[in-house]
Each structure stands twice: as C-alpha cells, then as structure tokens.
Protein backbone atom coordinates (compact mmCIF):
# COMPACT_ATOMS: atom_id res chain seq x y z
CA UNK A 1 40.06 1.37 -15.33
CA UNK A 2 42.14 1.56 -18.49
CA UNK A 3 44.39 -0.79 -20.44
CA UNK A 4 47.04 0.16 -22.97
CA UNK A 5 44.65 -0.86 -25.76
CA UNK A 6 42.15 1.84 -24.78
CA UNK A 7 44.63 4.48 -23.70
CA UNK A 8 44.04 6.87 -26.60
CA UNK A 9 40.30 6.79 -25.92
CA UNK A 10 40.96 7.34 -22.23
CA UNK A 11 43.02 10.45 -23.05
CA UNK A 12 40.10 11.74 -25.12
CA UNK A 13 37.84 11.15 -22.10
CA UNK A 14 40.21 13.14 -19.89
CA UNK A 15 40.30 15.95 -22.45
CA UNK A 16 36.50 16.09 -22.60
CA UNK A 17 36.12 16.23 -18.81
CA UNK A 18 38.68 19.02 -18.57
CA UNK A 19 36.67 20.98 -21.14
CA UNK A 20 33.33 20.72 -19.34
CA UNK A 21 34.18 20.72 -15.63
CA UNK A 22 37.04 21.74 -13.41
CA UNK A 23 35.93 19.96 -10.27
CA UNK A 24 36.78 16.28 -10.63
CA UNK A 25 39.37 13.65 -9.86
CA UNK A 26 39.79 10.72 -12.22
CA UNK A 27 41.15 7.80 -10.23
CA UNK A 28 42.49 5.48 -12.89
CA UNK A 29 43.24 1.81 -12.34
CA UNK A 30 45.98 0.96 -14.84
CA UNK A 31 45.71 -2.59 -16.14
CA UNK A 32 49.20 -2.30 -17.60
CA UNK A 33 52.09 -0.72 -15.70
CA UNK A 34 53.14 1.25 -18.78
CA UNK A 35 49.89 3.23 -18.58
CA UNK A 36 50.67 4.12 -14.95
CA UNK A 37 54.16 5.31 -15.92
CA UNK A 38 52.92 7.43 -18.84
CA UNK A 39 50.20 9.07 -16.73
CA UNK A 40 52.73 9.93 -14.04
CA UNK A 41 55.01 11.38 -16.70
CA UNK A 42 52.19 13.50 -18.16
CA UNK A 43 51.11 14.66 -14.72
CA UNK A 44 47.45 15.64 -15.22
CA UNK A 45 46.44 17.37 -11.99
CA UNK A 46 42.97 15.81 -12.20
CA UNK A 47 44.21 12.23 -12.73
CA UNK A 48 45.33 9.87 -9.97
CA UNK A 49 46.90 6.70 -11.46
CA UNK A 50 46.52 3.45 -9.49
CA UNK A 51 48.67 0.41 -10.11
CA UNK A 52 46.99 -2.98 -10.42
CA UNK A 53 49.01 -4.31 -7.50
CA UNK A 54 47.39 -1.70 -5.25
CA UNK A 55 44.00 -3.43 -5.55
CA UNK A 56 45.37 -6.95 -5.62
CA UNK A 57 43.79 -9.68 -3.49
CA UNK A 58 43.74 -13.46 -3.49
CA UNK A 59 40.28 -13.46 -5.09
CA UNK A 60 41.36 -11.03 -7.79
CA UNK A 61 44.43 -13.11 -8.55
CA UNK A 62 42.27 -16.22 -8.92
CA UNK A 63 39.94 -14.28 -11.19
CA UNK A 64 42.88 -13.21 -13.31
CA UNK A 65 43.92 -16.83 -13.72
CA UNK A 66 40.51 -18.38 -14.39
CA UNK A 67 39.00 -16.06 -17.01
CA UNK A 68 39.81 -14.42 -20.34
CA UNK A 69 41.52 -11.02 -20.39
CA UNK A 70 38.34 -9.16 -21.42
CA UNK A 71 36.36 -10.71 -18.57
CA UNK A 72 39.15 -9.83 -16.14
CA UNK A 73 38.97 -6.20 -17.26
CA UNK A 74 35.20 -6.19 -16.69
CA UNK A 75 35.81 -7.66 -13.24
CA UNK A 76 38.04 -4.70 -12.43
CA UNK A 77 35.23 -2.16 -12.85
CA UNK A 78 33.56 -2.67 -9.46
CA UNK A 79 36.92 -3.54 -7.89
CA UNK A 80 38.31 -0.13 -8.85
CA UNK A 81 35.15 1.74 -7.86
CA UNK A 82 35.02 0.02 -4.47
CA UNK A 83 38.71 0.78 -3.88
CA UNK A 84 38.24 4.49 -4.58
CA UNK A 85 35.15 4.68 -2.38
CA UNK A 86 37.11 3.15 0.50
CA UNK A 87 40.16 5.33 0.06
CA UNK A 88 38.38 8.65 -0.49
CA UNK A 89 35.42 8.98 1.91
CA UNK A 90 35.46 12.77 1.51
CA UNK A 91 33.97 12.67 -2.02
CA UNK A 92 30.29 13.53 -2.53
CA UNK A 93 29.71 11.35 -5.59
CA UNK A 94 31.55 8.57 -7.36
CA UNK A 95 31.14 7.02 -10.80
CA UNK A 96 32.66 4.29 -12.87
CA UNK A 97 33.37 5.56 -16.39
CA UNK A 98 34.30 3.33 -19.31
CA UNK A 99 37.35 4.64 -21.15
CA UNK A 100 35.37 5.18 -24.37
CA UNK A 101 32.99 7.77 -22.92
CA UNK A 102 33.24 11.40 -24.06
CA UNK A 103 31.62 14.34 -22.29
CA UNK A 104 29.89 17.25 -23.98
CA UNK A 105 28.47 18.72 -20.75
CA UNK A 106 29.31 18.42 -17.06
CA UNK A 107 28.47 15.08 -15.40
CA UNK A 108 26.89 17.16 -12.61
CA UNK A 109 23.74 17.16 -14.73
CA UNK A 110 23.34 13.43 -14.18
CA UNK A 111 23.61 13.62 -10.40
CA UNK A 112 21.46 16.75 -10.15
CA UNK A 113 18.51 14.93 -11.72
CA UNK A 114 18.01 13.41 -8.27
CA UNK A 115 20.49 14.66 -5.66
CA UNK A 116 19.01 12.39 -2.98
CA UNK A 117 19.53 9.20 -4.99
CA UNK A 118 22.12 6.69 -3.82
CA UNK A 119 22.70 4.91 -7.13
CA UNK A 120 22.49 6.13 -10.73
CA UNK A 121 21.94 3.78 -13.68
CA UNK A 122 21.43 4.40 -17.39
CA UNK A 123 18.96 2.32 -19.38
CA UNK A 124 20.17 0.94 -22.70
CA UNK A 125 17.06 2.44 -24.38
CA UNK A 126 17.76 0.18 -27.34
CA UNK A 127 16.55 1.15 -30.78
CA UNK A 128 14.53 -1.29 -32.88
CA UNK A 129 17.54 -3.08 -34.36
CA UNK A 130 19.01 -3.65 -30.90
CA UNK A 131 15.92 -4.79 -29.01
CA UNK A 132 17.08 -8.39 -29.32
CA UNK A 133 20.12 -7.62 -27.17
CA UNK A 134 18.13 -6.96 -24.01
CA UNK A 135 18.11 -10.70 -23.40
CA UNK A 136 21.90 -10.86 -23.39
CA UNK A 137 23.36 -7.48 -22.40
CA UNK A 138 20.51 -6.57 -20.09
CA UNK A 139 18.48 -3.47 -19.29
CA UNK A 140 21.22 -1.18 -17.97
CA UNK A 141 24.59 -0.25 -19.41
CA UNK A 142 27.45 -0.25 -16.91
CA UNK A 143 29.68 2.01 -18.97
CA UNK A 144 28.48 4.53 -16.40
CA UNK A 145 27.54 3.62 -12.84
CA UNK A 146 27.11 6.54 -10.47
CA UNK A 147 26.70 6.57 -6.73
CA UNK A 148 26.41 8.93 -3.81
CA UNK A 149 28.74 8.64 -0.85
CA UNK A 150 26.34 6.77 1.43
CA UNK A 151 25.84 3.34 2.97
CA UNK A 152 23.36 2.14 0.36
CA UNK A 153 25.75 2.82 -2.50
CA UNK A 154 28.64 1.23 -0.64
CA UNK A 155 26.62 -1.93 -0.01
CA UNK A 156 25.59 -2.15 -3.67
CA UNK A 157 29.12 -1.65 -5.01
CA UNK A 158 30.50 -4.14 -2.47
CA UNK A 159 28.03 -6.77 -3.62
CA UNK A 160 28.72 -6.01 -7.30
CA UNK A 161 32.44 -6.43 -6.64
CA UNK A 162 31.93 -9.78 -4.91
CA UNK A 163 29.66 -11.06 -7.66
CA UNK A 164 32.13 -10.15 -10.41
CA UNK A 165 35.07 -11.65 -8.56
CA UNK A 166 33.19 -14.93 -8.33
CA UNK A 167 31.79 -15.00 -11.87
CA UNK A 168 32.11 -12.62 -14.81
CA UNK A 169 31.52 -14.53 -18.06
CA UNK A 170 32.76 -13.04 -21.29
CA UNK A 171 29.74 -14.54 -23.08
CA UNK A 172 26.09 -14.46 -22.13
CA UNK A 173 25.03 -17.03 -19.54
CA UNK A 174 21.29 -17.41 -20.25
CA UNK A 175 20.76 -19.82 -17.36
CA UNK A 176 22.02 -17.44 -14.69
CA UNK A 177 21.11 -14.31 -16.70
CA UNK A 178 24.63 -12.93 -16.44
CA UNK A 179 26.79 -11.16 -19.01
CA UNK A 180 30.14 -9.91 -17.78
CA UNK A 181 29.71 -7.37 -15.00
CA UNK A 182 26.62 -5.82 -16.51
CA UNK A 183 23.49 -7.72 -15.55
CA UNK A 184 24.25 -7.85 -11.83
CA UNK A 185 22.96 -4.28 -11.51
CA UNK A 186 19.53 -5.20 -12.90
CA UNK A 187 18.31 -6.16 -9.43
CA UNK A 188 19.37 -2.88 -7.82
CA UNK A 189 16.01 -1.08 -8.20
CA UNK A 190 14.35 -3.90 -6.25
CA UNK A 191 17.20 -4.64 -3.80
CA UNK A 192 18.33 -1.15 -2.81
CA UNK A 193 16.67 2.12 -1.87
CA UNK A 194 17.04 5.35 -3.83
CA UNK A 195 18.08 3.92 -7.19
CA UNK A 196 17.68 6.52 -9.93
CA UNK A 197 17.42 5.55 -13.59
CA UNK A 198 18.69 8.63 -15.43
CA UNK A 199 15.94 10.27 -17.47
CA UNK A 200 18.04 12.40 -19.82
CA UNK A 201 18.46 10.56 -23.16
CA UNK A 202 21.70 12.52 -23.53
CA UNK A 203 23.36 10.48 -20.78
CA UNK A 204 25.11 7.38 -22.12
CA UNK A 205 23.78 7.90 -25.61
CA UNK A 206 25.36 5.30 -27.90
CA UNK A 207 25.12 3.43 -31.18
CA UNK A 208 22.43 1.14 -29.73
CA UNK A 209 20.01 3.99 -29.00
CA UNK A 210 21.01 7.04 -31.09
CA UNK A 211 18.69 5.90 -33.91
CA UNK A 212 15.76 6.60 -31.60
CA UNK A 213 16.51 10.30 -31.39
CA UNK A 214 16.60 13.62 -33.16
CA UNK A 215 19.92 15.42 -32.72
CA UNK A 216 19.86 19.20 -32.69
CA UNK A 217 22.15 22.09 -31.81
CA UNK A 218 20.67 24.74 -29.52
CA UNK A 219 22.77 27.78 -28.59
CA UNK A 220 25.86 25.94 -29.75
CA UNK A 221 25.19 22.85 -27.60
CA UNK A 222 24.30 19.37 -28.87
CA UNK A 223 20.88 18.14 -27.74
CA UNK A 224 19.22 14.74 -27.88
CA UNK A 225 15.44 15.01 -28.18
CA UNK A 226 15.73 18.52 -26.76
CA UNK A 227 17.85 17.47 -23.76
CA UNK A 228 21.57 18.30 -23.49
CA UNK A 229 23.98 15.63 -24.65
CA UNK A 230 26.00 15.02 -21.49
CA UNK A 231 28.12 12.10 -22.65
CA UNK A 232 28.25 9.66 -25.54
CA UNK A 233 29.49 6.08 -25.29
CA UNK A 234 31.72 5.34 -28.29
CA UNK A 235 31.45 1.59 -28.04
CA UNK A 236 32.01 -0.07 -31.41
CA UNK A 237 34.55 2.52 -32.60
CA UNK A 238 37.94 1.19 -33.71
CA UNK A 239 41.18 3.07 -34.26
CA UNK A 240 42.86 1.62 -37.34
CA UNK A 241 45.70 4.12 -37.59
CA UNK A 242 46.32 7.67 -36.40
CA UNK A 243 44.01 8.95 -39.15
CA UNK A 244 41.81 5.94 -39.95
CA UNK A 245 38.80 4.71 -38.04
CA UNK A 246 35.86 2.36 -38.24
CA UNK A 247 33.42 4.46 -36.27
CA UNK A 248 30.65 1.86 -35.97
CA UNK A 249 30.98 -1.92 -36.16
CA UNK A 250 27.23 -2.46 -36.56
CA UNK A 251 25.94 -0.07 -39.23
CA UNK A 252 26.79 2.93 -41.38
CA UNK A 253 25.80 6.21 -39.71
CA UNK A 254 23.73 8.18 -42.22
CA UNK A 255 22.50 10.95 -39.94
CA UNK A 256 24.72 13.95 -40.72
CA UNK A 257 23.89 15.61 -37.38
CA UNK A 258 25.19 12.57 -35.52
CA UNK A 259 28.34 12.53 -37.63
CA UNK A 260 29.07 16.25 -37.58
CA UNK A 261 28.23 17.12 -33.98
CA UNK A 262 28.87 13.90 -32.04
CA UNK A 263 31.37 11.71 -33.87
CA UNK A 264 33.60 14.25 -35.58
CA UNK A 265 34.46 16.20 -32.39
CA UNK A 266 35.45 12.90 -30.79
CA UNK A 267 37.51 11.81 -33.78
CA UNK A 268 39.26 15.19 -33.86
CA UNK A 269 40.11 14.82 -30.17
CA UNK A 270 41.47 11.32 -30.75
CA UNK A 271 43.64 12.58 -33.61
CA UNK A 272 44.95 15.36 -31.36
CA UNK A 273 45.82 13.12 -28.40
CA UNK A 274 47.45 10.56 -30.69
CA UNK A 275 49.58 13.32 -32.21
CA UNK A 276 50.60 14.48 -28.73
CA UNK A 277 51.42 10.93 -27.72
CA UNK A 278 53.48 10.43 -30.88
CA UNK A 279 55.45 13.57 -30.03
CA UNK A 280 56.18 12.71 -26.40
CA UNK A 281 55.97 8.90 -26.41
CA UNK A 282 56.78 7.90 -30.01
CA UNK A 283 57.39 4.28 -28.99
CA UNK A 284 53.82 3.80 -27.73
CA UNK A 285 51.92 1.91 -30.42
CA UNK A 286 49.05 0.11 -28.67
CA UNK A 287 45.36 0.46 -29.45
CA UNK A 288 45.37 0.02 -33.23
CA UNK A 289 43.49 -2.71 -35.09
CA UNK A 290 44.29 -3.39 -38.77
CA UNK A 291 41.52 -2.54 -41.20
CA UNK A 292 41.28 -6.13 -42.41
CA UNK A 293 40.30 -7.12 -38.86
CA UNK A 294 37.33 -4.73 -38.76
CA UNK A 295 33.97 -5.03 -40.53
CA UNK A 296 33.31 -2.92 -43.60
CA UNK A 297 30.60 -0.81 -41.96
CA UNK A 298 31.69 2.82 -41.58
CA UNK A 299 35.29 3.55 -42.54
CA UNK A 300 36.41 7.13 -41.93
CA UNK A 301 39.69 8.91 -42.67
CA UNK A 302 40.81 12.28 -41.34
C-alpha cells in the first residue's frame, strides 16, 4: 500500500528488492490514482499496481469517511493483503511491507527460519529509550507481516481486516489496547497455530532497536549482532528536499557503522530514484516536508 507522500520511499523499496531477489511480485495498492498511473508508465515487471476502487467495499467507504487519513491508510494494510491472498492463490508466501522498508538481503531468509509456520511476526525489540512505547505501539511491528498460503494465515488476515475496518484509531486507545492496525496481531500467538516470531535481529531492524546492537560488515554484507541484515525499517526518516533529509526524528545517530552501512546506502538510493523521477515525471513533487516542520535531530545533506 503506497500513497503519493511515500512514493519515493516505495521506489527505493522496489530497487532494494530487485537487487537482492529476482523471484517476487509486489502487488501495490495505490492510495492515490496518480501513483497507479506512474507505476503503469514505468512498467516494472515485478510490480502489479492496484487501484483503490478495486478493493472498495461499503465498510471501507465508511472507514474512509469516519477516520483521519493516516488511520485510513493503516486500515488498508490488511485490506490489501487479504485482497492479494484471495486473487493469487498460487503464491507460496505473502507479506505486507511498509513502503519505508529497504532490503539488504533476500526476504527468503525470514520465511526459511521456519518454513512450516503460517504467520510471521517481528518483535519491536525496543532499546532502553523506547521501552515505554510497548504500552502504546505494542509488542510486534506490523511494518512487516508475513504469512504462508494456508487456511490459518487466511483466517488471521481476514480477522485483522475486519478488526481494522471496524476500528483503527490514529492514537493509542489504552482501554481497548489498540493502536492503529498494530496491536490486533498481539493475540495471534495465542489464537492461531504456527505463529513464528522472527529470531533474526536483522529483520525489521529500526531506530527503536538498532541501539541494542553491534553492526558489522562480514564478507561485504551488513550484519546485526552477527546475523545478516535482511531489511531495515526507515520509520522516522523525512525527505526535506532532493538532497536534504532528517534521518531520525527521535535522536542523532552517532554510530558510524549504522550511518555508513545502513543509512547512507538508503539515502543514496532515494537520491537516485528522486533524480530519475525528476527526469521522467518533473511535475511530481509530493513527499517533501519543509525543514522547519521537522525536529532538529539529525539533519543530513547529500
């Protein structure tokens, strides 16, 4: 699921997947029609654009009318995943990917941790400064939700979709223990069979857990605590202009290994895709946030 505001990050995600694996299809629910038109014009062979009207229902229309835009986008995550699972029963595995993920190794590594699992979740693994957020954002991060093509996964995604359509608050609801789409999956290990919590700390590594780890490079590959970095979640990174970024809204990143081997390759990819977009679609100008609207935490120019 991608909006025009996250389109540059989405293109970086596509670029990263193409670099690490050749066997994937990225079914992309386009929140804005202009994204659908651009993707069709580009014509990535691995990308299948889906218009919002293709997943439309009465419940989704009511959700669109009764909640803020951000909450509506979160609602679309299980809606899109469920739609793809229904339409493409020949796939072995499915996964929801947030647009701000970036892959350094093949996602196969996640699924191969436990090939018999039906559902794959990643723990937030919060560092000390982020422990307080467990009570609001929950145990698991739904920037990545993986599933096998089986009945258990289908039941779980169907329930997640129904829950989000009914209620997907943009702010924490401490009474019902709900935050957006995210906390609904907390009950999966108890409610469904074969739920696998990914062990590799290099899967869904992010600003909220990277401070826990030692980053190293082994045989030219980035590792997190000795395990391969599969994908990093660049939540909290803002594009200010085509060469200006705030790379972390929460703190300044002092670890040079994190900067040089995780953030800089991503930034370089963003700069490249923005340059390509400027060449072929010079009128597209979404996804930028003025510097005065971002915190003064970690400003970076390229």
